[in-house]
Amino acid sequence: MTDDDRVFKALADPTRRFLLDLLFERDGRTLTELESQVEMTRIGVMKHLRVLEDAGLVVTRRRGREKLHFLNSVPIRLIHDRWIDKYTERRASALADLKRELEETG
């Protein structure tokens, strides 16, 4: 499985996207904090976090007995650059050309 495949798999699940949104709002949350925001068992949240970690979307750091979870947006940016940006560039360029032409004739 490639890195892109892991990221797409991680992002395919709405619960995992919600967990990423929570970390975007405030980084450095504990499992207990994240668990309190979803209707799911602690084990379920841990499984989702593991998938996110495997994809590189979440990194952890220990603080005493706590494990803090942080968002790593780099893999999402790489997906954007590789899979989204290239498909929108042509359209954006065409719209910019159209705008320029309309301004010149108007």
C-alpha atoms as a PDB file:
ATOM      1  CA  MET A   1       0.000   0.000   0.000  1.00  0.00           C
ATOM      2  CA  THR A   2       1.397   3.411  -0.968  1.00  0.00           C
ATOM      3  CA  ASP A   3       1.432   6.508   1.221  1.00  0.00           C
ATOM      4  CA  ASP A   4      -1.297   8.042  -0.952  1.00  0.00           C
ATOM      5  CA  ASP A   5      -3.435   4.921  -0.487  1.00  0.00           C
ATOM      6  CA  ARG A   6      -3.060   5.164   3.298  1.00  0.00           C
ATOM      7  CA  VAL A   7      -4.097   8.831   3.282  1.00  0.00           C
ATOM      8  CA  PHE A   8      -7.098   8.205   1.029  1.00  0.00           C
ATOM      9  CA  LYS A   9      -8.141   5.251   3.202  1.00  0.00           C
ATOM     10  CA  ALA A  10      -7.834   7.355   6.346  1.00  0.00           C
ATOM     11  CA  LEU A  11      -9.810  10.241   4.847  1.00  0.00           C
ATOM     12  CA  ALA A  12     -12.544   7.939   3.514  1.00  0.00           C
ATOM     13  CA  ASP A  13     -14.124   7.521   6.945  1.00  0.00           C
ATOM     14  CA  PRO A  14     -16.300  10.357   8.357  1.00  0.00           C
ATOM     15  CA  THR A  15     -15.288   9.623  11.959  1.00  0.00           C
ATOM     16  CA  ARG A  16     -11.615   9.949  11.094  1.00  0.00           C
ATOM     17  CA  ARG A  17     -12.287  13.209   9.244  1.00  0.00           C
ATOM     18  CA  PHE A  18     -14.147  14.445  12.334  1.00  0.00           C
ATOM     19  CA  LEU A  19     -11.167  13.551  14.547  1.00  0.00           C
ATOM     20  CA  LEU A  20      -8.892  15.488  12.187  1.00  0.00           C
ATOM     21  CA  ASP A  21     -11.268  18.458  12.389  1.00  0.00           C
ATOM     22  CA  LEU A  22     -11.079  18.325  16.176  1.00  0.00           C
ATOM     23  CA  LEU A  23      -7.288  18.346  16.038  1.00  0.00           C
ATOM     24  CA  PHE A  24      -7.384  21.210  13.540  1.00  0.00           C
ATOM     25  CA  GLU A  25      -9.492  23.219  16.002  1.00  0.00           C
ATOM     26  CA  ARG A  26      -7.108  22.492  18.865  1.00  0.00           C
ATOM     27  CA  ASP A  27      -3.997  20.389  18.565  1.00  0.00           C
ATOM     28  CA  GLY A  28      -2.508  18.265  21.317  1.00  0.00           C
ATOM     29  CA  ARG A  29      -5.634  16.457  22.516  1.00  0.00           C
ATOM     30  CA  THR A  30      -5.628  13.331  24.622  1.00  0.00           C
ATOM     31  CA  LEU A  31      -7.508  10.160  23.756  1.00  0.00           C
ATOM     32  CA  THR A  32      -9.991  10.975  26.532  1.00  0.00           C
ATOM     33  CA  GLU A  33     -10.703  14.409  25.020  1.00  0.00           C
ATOM     34  CA  LEU A  34     -11.201  12.961  21.552  1.00  0.00           C
ATOM     35  CA  GLU A  35     -13.307  10.093  22.848  1.00  0.00           C
ATOM     36  CA  SER A  36     -15.649  12.515  24.609  1.00  0.00           C
ATOM     37  CA  GLN A  37     -16.512  14.118  21.250  1.00  0.00           C
ATOM     38  CA  VAL A  38     -17.696  10.958  19.450  1.00  0.00           C
ATOM     39  CA  GLU A  39     -20.307   8.338  20.213  1.00  0.00           C
ATOM     40  CA  MET A  40     -17.923   5.425  20.154  1.00  0.00           C
ATOM     41  CA  THR A  41     -15.973   3.236  22.528  1.00  0.00           C
ATOM     42  CA  ARG A  42     -12.460   4.125  23.574  1.00  0.00           C
ATOM     43  CA  ILE A  43     -11.181   1.118  21.611  1.00  0.00           C
ATOM     44  CA  GLY A  44     -13.013   2.349  18.506  1.00  0.00           C
ATOM     45  CA  VAL A  45     -11.422   5.793  18.752  1.00  0.00           C
ATOM     46  CA  MET A  46      -8.014   4.168  19.285  1.00  0.00           C
ATOM     47  CA  LYS A  47      -8.462   2.119  16.099  1.00  0.00           C
ATOM     48  CA  HIS A  48      -9.346   5.225  14.115  1.00  0.00           C
ATOM     49  CA  LEU A  49      -6.360   7.098  15.535  1.00  0.00           C
ATOM     50  CA  ARG A  50      -4.089   4.204  14.572  1.00  0.00           C
ATOM     51  CA  VAL A  51      -5.253   4.428  10.941  1.00  0.00           C
ATOM     52  CA  LEU A  52      -4.633   8.191  11.019  1.00  0.00           C
ATOM     53  CA  GLU A  53      -1.165   7.633  12.508  1.00  0.00           C
ATOM     54  CA  ASP A  54      -0.333   4.970   9.914  1.00  0.00           C
ATOM     55  CA  ALA A  55      -1.240   7.494   7.208  1.00  0.00           C
ATOM     56  CA  GLY A  56       0.972  10.117   8.855  1.00  0.00           C
ATOM     57  CA  LEU A  57      -2.002  12.415   9.463  1.00  0.00           C
ATOM     58  CA  VAL A  58      -1.655  12.274  13.241  1.00  0.00           C
ATOM     59  CA  VAL A  59       1.544  12.294  15.261  1.00  0.00           C
ATOM     60  CA  THR A  60       1.741  11.686  18.981  1.00  0.00           C
ATOM     61  CA  ARG A  61       3.904  12.860  21.819  1.00  0.00           C
ATOM     62  CA  ARG A  62       4.014  11.669  25.393  1.00  0.00           C
ATOM     63  CA  ARG A  63       3.583  14.140  28.229  1.00  0.00           C
ATOM     64  CA  GLY A  64       4.000  12.204  31.430  1.00  0.00           C
ATOM     65  CA  ARG A  65       1.340   9.497  31.401  1.00  0.00           C
ATOM     66  CA  GLU A  66      -0.678  11.226  28.678  1.00  0.00           C
ATOM     67  CA  LYS A  67      -0.350  10.703  24.955  1.00  0.00           C
ATOM     68  CA  LEU A  68      -1.107  13.865  22.996  1.00  0.00           C
ATOM     69  CA  HIS A  69      -2.341  13.723  19.397  1.00  0.00           C
ATOM     70  CA  PHE A  70      -1.386  16.360  16.838  1.00  0.00           C
ATOM     71  CA  LEU A  71      -2.553  16.983  13.292  1.00  0.00           C
ATOM     72  CA  ASN A  72       0.062  16.622  10.562  1.00  0.00           C
ATOM     73  CA  SER A  73      -1.390  18.323   7.487  1.00  0.00           C
ATOM     74  CA  VAL A  74       1.588  17.588   5.213  1.00  0.00           C
ATOM     75  CA  PRO A  75       0.122  14.351   3.760  1.00  0.00           C
ATOM     76  CA  ILE A  76      -3.132  16.177   2.939  1.00  0.00           C
ATOM     77  CA  ARG A  77      -1.153  18.925   1.210  1.00  0.00           C
ATOM     78  CA  LEU A  78       0.757  16.335  -0.813  1.00  0.00           C
ATOM     79  CA  ILE A  79      -2.548  14.750  -1.882  1.00  0.00           C
ATOM     80  CA  HIS A  80      -3.835  18.195  -2.826  1.00  0.00           C
ATOM     81  CA  ASP A  81      -0.745  18.996  -4.881  1.00  0.00           C
ATOM     82  CA  ARG A  82      -0.695  15.596  -6.602  1.00  0.00           C
ATOM     83  CA  TRP A  83      -4.384  14.874  -7.147  1.00  0.00           C
ATOM     84  CA  ILE A  84      -6.431  18.049  -6.880  1.00  0.00           C
ATOM     85  CA  ASP A  85      -4.271  20.941  -7.983  1.00  0.00           C
ATOM     86  CA  LYS A  86      -3.371  19.433 -11.348  1.00  0.00           C
ATOM     87  CA  TYR A  87      -7.029  18.931 -12.253  1.00  0.00           C
ATOM     88  CA  THR A  88      -8.102  22.451 -11.309  1.00  0.00           C
ATOM     89  CA  GLU A  89      -5.170  24.338 -12.820  1.00  0.00           C
ATOM     90  CA  ARG A  90      -6.459  24.173 -16.395  1.00  0.00           C
ATOM     91  CA  ARG A  91      -9.893  25.455 -15.389  1.00  0.00           C
ATOM     92  CA  ALA A  92      -8.486  28.274 -13.309  1.00  0.00           C
ATOM     93  CA  SER A  93      -6.186  29.256 -16.151  1.00  0.00           C
ATOM     94  CA  ALA A  94      -9.103  29.219 -18.622  1.00  0.00           C
ATOM     95  CA  LEU A  95     -11.188  31.402 -16.293  1.00  0.00           C
ATOM     96  CA  ALA A  96      -8.316  33.851 -15.862  1.00  0.00           C
ATOM     97  CA  ASP A  97      -7.906  34.040 -19.659  1.00  0.00           C
ATOM     98  CA  LEU A  98     -11.658  34.601 -20.086  1.00  0.00           C
ATOM     99  CA  LYS A  99     -11.624  37.365 -17.464  1.00  0.00           C
ATOM    100  CA  ARG A 100      -8.705  39.061 -19.181  1.00  0.00           C
ATOM    101  CA  GLU A 101     -10.437  38.867 -22.585  1.00  0.00           C
ATOM    102  CA  LEU A 102     -13.709  40.241 -21.197  1.00  0.00           C
ATOM    103  CA  GLU A 103     -11.887  43.132 -19.531  1.00  0.00           C
ATOM    104  CA  GLU A 104     -10.054  43.948 -22.770  1.00  0.00           C
ATOM    105  CA  THR A 105     -13.272  44.024 -24.839  1.00  0.00           C
ATOM    106  CA  GLY A 106     -15.376  45.736 -22.201  1.00  0.00           C
END
